[in-house]
Amino acid sequence: MFSPTRTFDAPPFIRRAESGYMRHQPALAYCLVEYDRAHYSDELFQRFSQPLPAVLANAVAKRRAEYLASRYCGQVLLEQAQAASTVIGTDDRVPQWPAGWRGSISHSDKYALVVVAPEPTGLMPGIDIEQWQPEIMLETADMFASPDEQKLLSALTLPYPQALLTLFSAKESLYKSQWPEVRRYFDFQAAKVTHVDEAEQRFTLTLTETLTPELKCGTVFSGSYAFLSDAVITCIG
């Protein structure tokens, strides 16, 4: 999934970071960091030249840390691309990208991940990272996977809980990718997985309902997935 071109860090908060481009979509740049919440402090916003938004005024340290780690990822990518601004704004918890750019953000308790692409590429990126939670996936599978999807996933060589988490993440990536067009909530049943290529670590999602005049029932989206030691990442470009 990833083709890294640079590794770096910013200790002690940023333990490790890498940036590069997506193997199946080279126009899509990414930055992935592993951060240490124990070393977070509000002073890091100034160190990384990022504003501390009013929306975080009453947020706990965990929320501030994951927000800063993800904004740091975006800053790295926008600086590498020599964008006019390296600040990603926030409007009602939705990232607001600098003019001429599109992107997507995801984070967990220890990882932050951002992908960006210039608007002229026409890409609508969506990225998601989920840490392992096999018991929860098995308990909640019916909430996000139809019987047909569960049958397809159970036929894969992937451990079933891992396959479920990948599907869950893929649908989250689709939601993030299409939010700028749809601008309303749509649930997990709005799309279904119709193909998984384990060799290439690729998946196909097909809409099961019409979301906009352009996004009709039957519209197909392709994406990639990858595994970390304790997480799954999915991306739709």
C-alpha atoms as a PDB file:
ATOM      1  CA  MET A   1       0.000   0.000   0.000  1.00  0.00           C
ATOM      2  CA  PHE A   2       2.732   2.466   0.988  1.00  0.00           C
ATOM      3  CA  SER A   3       5.844   3.518  -0.883  1.00  0.00           C
ATOM      4  CA  PRO A   4       7.869   5.418   1.742  1.00  0.00           C
ATOM      5  CA  THR A   5      10.432   7.965   0.618  1.00  0.00           C
ATOM      6  CA  ARG A   6      11.392   9.494   3.980  1.00  0.00           C
ATOM      7  CA  THR A   7      11.551   8.498   7.653  1.00  0.00           C
ATOM      8  CA  PHE A   8      12.023  10.934  10.539  1.00  0.00           C
ATOM      9  CA  ASP A   9      10.932  11.743  14.093  1.00  0.00           C
ATOM     10  CA  ALA A  10      10.330  14.642  16.484  1.00  0.00           C
ATOM     11  CA  PRO A  11      11.009  13.168  19.916  1.00  0.00           C
ATOM     12  CA  PRO A  12       9.743  12.597  22.454  1.00  0.00           C
ATOM     13  CA  PHE A  13       6.158  13.118  21.186  1.00  0.00           C
ATOM     14  CA  ILE A  14       6.626  11.846  17.618  1.00  0.00           C
ATOM     15  CA  ARG A  15       8.382   8.528  18.072  1.00  0.00           C
ATOM     16  CA  ARG A  16       8.559   7.600  14.396  1.00  0.00           C
ATOM     17  CA  ALA A  17       7.227   8.990  11.145  1.00  0.00           C
ATOM     18  CA  GLU A  18       7.339   8.186   7.465  1.00  0.00           C
ATOM     19  CA  SER A  19       6.044   9.878   4.349  1.00  0.00           C
ATOM     20  CA  GLY A  20       5.782   8.908   0.719  1.00  0.00           C
ATOM     21  CA  TYR A  21       3.075   8.021  -1.779  1.00  0.00           C
ATOM     22  CA  MET A  22       0.408   5.359  -2.188  1.00  0.00           C
ATOM     23  CA  ARG A  23       1.585   2.476  -4.347  1.00  0.00           C
ATOM     24  CA  HIS A  24      -1.687   2.152  -6.311  1.00  0.00           C
ATOM     25  CA  GLN A  25      -2.239   5.925  -6.514  1.00  0.00           C
ATOM     26  CA  PRO A  26       1.088   7.809  -6.759  1.00  0.00           C
ATOM     27  CA  ALA A  27      -0.669  11.208  -6.860  1.00  0.00           C
ATOM     28  CA  LEU A  28      -1.793  10.548  -3.280  1.00  0.00           C
ATOM     29  CA  ALA A  29       0.851  11.468  -0.703  1.00  0.00           C
ATOM     30  CA  TYR A  30       0.751  10.096   2.825  1.00  0.00           C
ATOM     31  CA  CYS A  31       2.341  10.625   6.223  1.00  0.00           C
ATOM     32  CA  LEU A  32       2.077   8.081   9.027  1.00  0.00           C
ATOM     33  CA  VAL A  33       3.331   8.757  12.547  1.00  0.00           C
ATOM     34  CA  GLU A  34       3.513   6.814  15.771  1.00  0.00           C
ATOM     35  CA  TYR A  35       3.160   9.207  18.684  1.00  0.00           C
ATOM     36  CA  ASP A  36       3.500   8.928  22.451  1.00  0.00           C
ATOM     37  CA  ARG A  37       0.561  10.436  24.291  1.00  0.00           C
ATOM     38  CA  ALA A  38       2.523  10.380  27.550  1.00  0.00           C
ATOM     39  CA  HIS A  39       4.802  13.076  26.143  1.00  0.00           C
ATOM     40  CA  TYR A  40       2.046  15.415  24.964  1.00  0.00           C
ATOM     41  CA  SER A  41       1.864  19.001  26.225  1.00  0.00           C
ATOM     42  CA  ASP A  42       0.018  22.068  24.948  1.00  0.00           C
ATOM     43  CA  GLU A  43       3.378  23.732  24.230  1.00  0.00           C
ATOM     44  CA  LEU A  44       3.816  21.318  21.312  1.00  0.00           C
ATOM     45  CA  PHE A  45       1.241  23.256  19.303  1.00  0.00           C
ATOM     46  CA  GLN A  46       3.649  26.200  19.279  1.00  0.00           C
ATOM     47  CA  ARG A  47       6.627  23.965  18.555  1.00  0.00           C
ATOM     48  CA  PHE A  48       4.895  22.560  15.479  1.00  0.00           C
ATOM     49  CA  SER A  49       3.498  25.965  14.427  1.00  0.00           C
ATOM     50  CA  GLN A  50      -0.078  24.758  14.721  1.00  0.00           C
ATOM     51  CA  PRO A  51      -2.948  26.770  16.236  1.00  0.00           C
ATOM     52  CA  LEU A  52      -4.767  25.303  19.216  1.00  0.00           C
ATOM     53  CA  PRO A  53      -8.390  25.610  18.044  1.00  0.00           C
ATOM     54  CA  ALA A  54     -11.192  26.816  20.286  1.00  0.00           C
ATOM     55  CA  VAL A  55     -13.030  23.531  19.740  1.00  0.00           C
ATOM     56  CA  LEU A  56     -10.341  21.859  21.891  1.00  0.00           C
ATOM     57  CA  ALA A  57     -10.623  24.360  24.743  1.00  0.00           C
ATOM     58  CA  ASN A  58     -12.271  21.818  27.042  1.00  0.00           C
ATOM     59  CA  ALA A  59     -10.894  18.660  25.436  1.00  0.00           C
ATOM     60  CA  VAL A  60      -8.949  16.077  27.414  1.00  0.00           C
ATOM     61  CA  ALA A  61      -5.241  15.552  26.749  1.00  0.00           C
ATOM     62  CA  LYS A  62      -5.943  12.384  24.700  1.00  0.00           C
ATOM     63  CA  ARG A  63      -8.075  14.340  22.224  1.00  0.00           C
ATOM     64  CA  ARG A  64      -5.536  17.173  22.001  1.00  0.00           C
ATOM     65  CA  ALA A  65      -2.685  14.733  21.430  1.00  0.00           C
ATOM     66  CA  GLU A  66      -4.379  12.861  18.583  1.00  0.00           C
ATOM     67  CA  TYR A  67      -5.467  16.140  17.011  1.00  0.00           C
ATOM     68  CA  LEU A  68      -1.927  17.546  17.116  1.00  0.00           C
ATOM     69  CA  ALA A  69      -0.354  14.333  15.811  1.00  0.00           C
ATOM     70  CA  SER A  70      -2.691  14.313  12.809  1.00  0.00           C
ATOM     71  CA  ARG A  71      -2.132  18.014  12.102  1.00  0.00           C
ATOM     72  CA  TYR A  72       1.602  17.399  12.269  1.00  0.00           C
ATOM     73  CA  CYS A  73       1.164  14.736   9.565  1.00  0.00           C
ATOM     74  CA  GLY A  74      -0.712  17.179   7.374  1.00  0.00           C
ATOM     75  CA  GLN A  75       1.861  19.884   7.974  1.00  0.00           C
ATOM     76  CA  VAL A  76       4.664  17.575   6.845  1.00  0.00           C
ATOM     77  CA  LEU A  77       2.873  16.745   3.601  1.00  0.00           C
ATOM     78  CA  LEU A  78       1.862  20.310   2.791  1.00  0.00           C
ATOM     79  CA  GLU A  79       5.399  21.567   3.477  1.00  0.00           C
ATOM     80  CA  GLN A  80       6.825  18.879   1.193  1.00  0.00           C
ATOM     81  CA  ALA A  81       4.391  19.960  -1.530  1.00  0.00           C
ATOM     82  CA  GLN A  82       5.259  23.637  -0.932  1.00  0.00           C
ATOM     83  CA  ALA A  83       1.602  24.491  -0.351  1.00  0.00           C
ATOM     84  CA  ALA A  84       0.740  28.111   0.420  1.00  0.00           C
ATOM     85  CA  SER A  85      -0.516  27.097   3.885  1.00  0.00           C
ATOM     86  CA  THR A  86       0.395  24.174   6.130  1.00  0.00           C
ATOM     87  CA  VAL A  87      -2.508  24.667   8.539  1.00  0.00           C
ATOM     88  CA  ILE A  88      -5.545  22.381   8.291  1.00  0.00           C
ATOM     89  CA  GLY A  89      -8.578  24.143   9.711  1.00  0.00           C
ATOM     90  CA  THR A  90     -11.598  22.621  11.412  1.00  0.00           C
ATOM     91  CA  ASP A  91     -15.272  23.299  10.756  1.00  0.00           C
ATOM     92  CA  ASP A  92     -17.740  21.311  12.864  1.00  0.00           C
ATOM     93  CA  ARG A  93     -15.034  18.651  13.399  1.00  0.00           C
ATOM     94  CA  VAL A  94     -14.498  18.303   9.623  1.00  0.00           C
ATOM     95  CA  PRO A  95     -10.976  19.116   8.343  1.00  0.00           C
ATOM     96  CA  GLN A  96     -10.763  22.202   6.150  1.00  0.00           C
ATOM     97  CA  TRP A  97      -7.892  21.896   3.666  1.00  0.00           C
ATOM     98  CA  PRO A  98      -5.858  24.770   2.225  1.00  0.00           C
ATOM     99  CA  ALA A  99      -7.047  26.056  -1.142  1.00  0.00           C
ATOM    100  CA  GLY A 100      -6.165  23.672  -3.948  1.00  0.00           C
ATOM    101  CA  TRP A 101      -5.872  20.580  -1.772  1.00  0.00           C
ATOM    102  CA  ARG A 102      -7.980  17.624  -0.711  1.00  0.00           C
ATOM    103  CA  GLY A 103      -7.160  15.181   2.023  1.00  0.00           C
ATOM    104  CA  SER A 104      -8.247  12.820   4.739  1.00  0.00           C
ATOM    105  CA  ILE A 105      -7.232  12.263   8.356  1.00  0.00           C
ATOM    106  CA  SER A 106      -7.392   9.308  10.720  1.00  0.00           C
ATOM    107  CA  HIS A 107      -5.908   8.546  14.116  1.00  0.00           C
ATOM    108  CA  SER A 108      -5.910   6.033  16.927  1.00  0.00           C
ATOM    109  CA  ASP A 109      -4.426   5.948  20.422  1.00  0.00           C
ATOM    110  CA  LYS A 110      -0.883   5.772  19.038  1.00  0.00           C
ATOM    111  CA  TYR A 111      -1.017   6.409  15.269  1.00  0.00           C
ATOM    112  CA  ALA A 112      -1.943   9.377  13.107  1.00  0.00           C
ATOM    113  CA  LEU A 113      -2.281   9.190   9.341  1.00  0.00           C
ATOM    114  CA  VAL A 114      -2.981  11.772   6.637  1.00  0.00           C
ATOM    115  CA  VAL A 115      -3.274  11.587   2.848  1.00  0.00           C
ATOM    116  CA  VAL A 116      -3.402  14.606   0.534  1.00  0.00           C
ATOM    117  CA  ALA A 117      -3.735  15.233  -3.188  1.00  0.00           C
ATOM    118  CA  PRO A 118      -3.899  18.385  -5.334  1.00  0.00           C
ATOM    119  CA  GLU A 119      -7.473  19.195  -6.393  1.00  0.00           C
ATOM    120  CA  PRO A 120      -6.642  18.998 -10.150  1.00  0.00           C
ATOM    121  CA  THR A 121      -6.020  15.241  -9.761  1.00  0.00           C
ATOM    122  CA  GLY A 122      -9.747  14.805  -9.127  1.00  0.00           C
ATOM    123  CA  LEU A 123      -9.032  12.395  -6.284  1.00  0.00           C
ATOM    124  CA  MET A 124     -11.407  12.209  -3.316  1.00  0.00           C
ATOM    125  CA  PRO A 125      -9.217  10.549  -0.699  1.00  0.00           C
ATOM    126  CA  GLY A 126     -10.495   8.710   2.331  1.00  0.00           C
ATOM    127  CA  ILE A 127      -8.173   7.095   4.891  1.00  0.00           C
ATOM    128  CA  ASP A 128      -8.860   5.109   8.058  1.00  0.00           C
ATOM    129  CA  ILE A 129      -6.814   3.330  10.705  1.00  0.00           C
ATOM    130  CA  GLU A 130      -8.312   0.935  13.244  1.00  0.00           C
ATOM    131  CA  GLN A 131      -6.509  -0.897  16.010  1.00  0.00           C
ATOM    132  CA  TRP A 132      -7.163  -4.584  16.627  1.00  0.00           C
ATOM    133  CA  GLN A 133     -10.350  -5.365  18.507  1.00  0.00           C
ATOM    134  CA  PRO A 134     -11.319  -8.923  17.459  1.00  0.00           C
ATOM    135  CA  GLU A 135     -13.891  -9.518  20.185  1.00  0.00           C
ATOM    136  CA  ILE A 136     -15.758  -6.320  19.378  1.00  0.00           C
ATOM    137  CA  MET A 137     -15.724  -7.106  15.659  1.00  0.00           C
ATOM    138  CA  LEU A 138     -17.289 -10.505  16.229  1.00  0.00           C
ATOM    139  CA  GLU A 139     -19.900  -9.087  18.608  1.00  0.00           C
ATOM    140  CA  THR A 140     -20.931  -6.226  16.301  1.00  0.00           C
ATOM    141  CA  ALA A 141     -20.474  -7.741  12.829  1.00  0.00           C
ATOM    142  CA  ASP A 142     -24.193  -7.619  12.026  1.00  0.00           C
ATOM    143  CA  MET A 143     -24.138  -3.828  12.472  1.00  0.00           C
ATOM    144  CA  PHE A 144     -21.786  -3.188   9.561  1.00  0.00           C
ATOM    145  CA  ALA A 145     -21.612  -6.400   7.485  1.00  0.00           C
ATOM    146  CA  SER A 146     -24.534  -8.051   5.707  1.00  0.00           C
ATOM    147  CA  PRO A 147     -24.910 -11.856   5.623  1.00  0.00           C
ATOM    148  CA  ASP A 148     -23.543 -11.871   2.050  1.00  0.00           C
ATOM    149  CA  GLU A 149     -20.537  -9.797   3.109  1.00  0.00           C
ATOM    150  CA  GLN A 150     -19.876 -12.049   6.084  1.00  0.00           C
ATOM    151  CA  LYS A 151     -19.982 -15.076   3.776  1.00  0.00           C
ATOM    152  CA  LEU A 152     -17.476 -13.434   1.405  1.00  0.00           C
ATOM    153  CA  LEU A 153     -15.140 -12.511   4.272  1.00  0.00           C
ATOM    154  CA  SER A 154     -15.301 -15.954   5.860  1.00  0.00           C
ATOM    155  CA  ALA A 155     -13.997 -17.473   2.596  1.00  0.00           C
ATOM    156  CA  LEU A 156     -10.791 -15.401   2.730  1.00  0.00           C
ATOM    157  CA  THR A 157      -7.513 -16.680   4.144  1.00  0.00           C
ATOM    158  CA  LEU A 158      -7.477 -13.716   6.533  1.00  0.00           C
ATOM    159  CA  PRO A 159      -8.548 -14.513  10.087  1.00  0.00           C
ATOM    160  CA  TYR A 160     -12.252 -13.696  10.197  1.00  0.00           C
ATOM    161  CA  PRO A 161     -12.042 -10.965  12.883  1.00  0.00           C
ATOM    162  CA  GLN A 162      -9.247  -9.319  10.903  1.00  0.00           C
ATOM    163  CA  ALA A 163     -11.330  -9.445   7.732  1.00  0.00           C
ATOM    164  CA  LEU A 164     -14.271  -7.884   9.578  1.00  0.00           C
ATOM    165  CA  LEU A 165     -12.103  -5.057  10.884  1.00  0.00           C
ATOM    166  CA  THR A 166     -10.787  -4.447   7.365  1.00  0.00           C
ATOM    167  CA  LEU A 167     -14.342  -4.169   6.051  1.00  0.00           C
ATOM    168  CA  PHE A 168     -15.334  -1.846   8.886  1.00  0.00           C
ATOM    169  CA  SER A 169     -12.331   0.361   8.118  1.00  0.00           C
ATOM    170  CA  ALA A 170     -12.981   0.283   4.357  1.00  0.00           C
ATOM    171  CA  LYS A 171     -16.502   1.614   4.887  1.00  0.00           C
ATOM    172  CA  GLU A 172     -15.130   4.339   7.161  1.00  0.00           C
ATOM    173  CA  SER A 173     -12.700   5.321   4.385  1.00  0.00           C
ATOM    174  CA  LEU A 174     -15.565   5.450   1.897  1.00  0.00           C
ATOM    175  CA  TYR A 175     -17.565   7.717   4.200  1.00  0.00           C
ATOM    176  CA  LYS A 176     -14.620  10.107   4.583  1.00  0.00           C
ATOM    177  CA  SER A 177     -13.921  10.049   0.861  1.00  0.00           C
ATOM    178  CA  GLN A 178     -17.464  10.914  -0.179  1.00  0.00           C
ATOM    179  CA  TRP A 179     -18.469  13.254   2.648  1.00  0.00           C
ATOM    180  CA  PRO A 180     -17.461  16.405   0.678  1.00  0.00           C
ATOM    181  CA  GLU A 181     -19.953  15.386  -2.023  1.00  0.00           C
ATOM    182  CA  VAL A 182     -22.741  13.822   0.043  1.00  0.00           C
ATOM    183  CA  ARG A 183     -22.659  16.199   3.040  1.00  0.00           C
ATOM    184  CA  ARG A 184     -24.949  14.004   5.106  1.00  0.00           C
ATOM    185  CA  TYR A 185     -24.724  10.881   7.188  1.00  0.00           C
ATOM    186  CA  PHE A 186     -24.982   7.524   5.415  1.00  0.00           C
ATOM    187  CA  ASP A 187     -24.604   4.247   7.259  1.00  0.00           C
ATOM    188  CA  PHE A 188     -22.686   1.007   6.711  1.00  0.00           C
ATOM    189  CA  GLN A 189     -25.531  -0.499   4.700  1.00  0.00           C
ATOM    190  CA  ALA A 190     -25.080   2.117   1.954  1.00  0.00           C
ATOM    191  CA  ALA A 191     -22.257   0.065   0.438  1.00  0.00           C
ATOM    192  CA  LYS A 192     -21.177  -3.563   0.329  1.00  0.00           C
ATOM    193  CA  VAL A 193     -17.870  -5.294  -0.293  1.00  0.00           C
ATOM    194  CA  THR A 194     -18.043  -7.148  -3.597  1.00  0.00           C
ATOM    195  CA  HIS A 195     -14.436  -8.265  -4.078  1.00  0.00           C
ATOM    196  CA  VAL A 196     -11.230  -8.694  -2.076  1.00  0.00           C
ATOM    197  CA  ASP A 197      -7.870  -9.350  -3.752  1.00  0.00           C
ATOM    198  CA  GLU A 198      -5.681 -10.702  -0.969  1.00  0.00           C
ATOM    199  CA  ALA A 199      -2.567 -10.911  -3.141  1.00  0.00           C
ATOM    200  CA  GLU A 200      -2.714  -7.210  -4.013  1.00  0.00           C
ATOM    201  CA  GLN A 201      -4.443  -6.210  -0.754  1.00  0.00           C
ATOM    202  CA  ARG A 202      -7.190  -4.453  -2.669  1.00  0.00           C
ATOM    203  CA  PHE A 203     -10.952  -4.313  -2.149  1.00  0.00           C
ATOM    204  CA  THR A 204     -14.034  -3.192  -4.051  1.00  0.00           C
ATOM    205  CA  LEU A 205     -17.068  -1.527  -2.491  1.00  0.00           C
ATOM    206  CA  THR A 206     -20.336  -1.048  -4.389  1.00  0.00           C
ATOM    207  CA  LEU A 207     -23.065   1.397  -3.393  1.00  0.00           C
ATOM    208  CA  THR A 208     -26.349  -0.270  -2.469  1.00  0.00           C
ATOM    209  CA  GLU A 209     -28.291   3.003  -2.493  1.00  0.00           C
ATOM    210  CA  THR A 210     -28.149   6.316  -4.328  1.00  0.00           C
ATOM    211  CA  LEU A 211     -26.395   9.000  -2.300  1.00  0.00           C
ATOM    212  CA  THR A 212     -26.438  11.889  -4.805  1.00  0.00           C
ATOM    213  CA  PRO A 213     -27.460  12.255  -8.465  1.00  0.00           C
ATOM    214  CA  GLU A 214     -23.844  11.433  -9.358  1.00  0.00           C
ATOM    215  CA  LEU A 215     -23.326   8.697  -6.761  1.00  0.00           C
ATOM    216  CA  LYS A 216     -25.977   6.243  -7.876  1.00  0.00           C
ATOM    217  CA  CYS A 217     -26.694   2.772  -6.577  1.00  0.00           C
ATOM    218  CA  GLY A 218     -24.166   0.455  -8.223  1.00  0.00           C
ATOM    219  CA  THR A 219     -21.288   2.948  -8.227  1.00  0.00           C
ATOM    220  CA  VAL A 220     -18.019   1.094  -7.594  1.00  0.00           C
ATOM    221  CA  PHE A 221     -15.066   2.209  -5.466  1.00  0.00           C
ATOM    222  CA  SER A 222     -11.665   0.546  -5.231  1.00  0.00           C
ATOM    223  CA  GLY A 223      -9.297   0.776  -2.310  1.00  0.00           C
ATOM    224  CA  SER A 224      -6.258  -0.708  -0.632  1.00  0.00           C
ATOM    225  CA  TYR A 225      -5.571  -2.141   2.790  1.00  0.00           C
ATOM    226  CA  ALA A 226      -2.456  -2.827   4.832  1.00  0.00           C
ATOM    227  CA  PHE A 227      -1.662  -4.209   8.266  1.00  0.00           C
ATOM    228  CA  LEU A 228       0.529  -2.895  11.035  1.00  0.00           C
ATOM    229  CA  SER A 229       1.443  -5.116  13.975  1.00  0.00           C
ATOM    230  CA  ASP A 230      -1.645  -3.944  15.854  1.00  0.00           C
ATOM    231  CA  ALA A 231      -3.823  -2.113  13.338  1.00  0.00           C
ATOM    232  CA  VAL A 232      -5.366  -2.123   9.883  1.00  0.00           C
ATOM    233  CA  ILE A 233      -5.266   0.769   7.428  1.00  0.00           C
ATOM    234  CA  THR A 234      -7.588   1.263   4.466  1.00  0.00           C
ATOM    235  CA  CYS A 235      -7.576   3.926   1.773  1.00  0.00           C
ATOM    236  CA  ILE A 236      -9.839   4.980  -1.065  1.00  0.00           C
ATOM    237  CA  GLY A 237      -8.371   7.464  -3.530  1.00  0.00           C
END
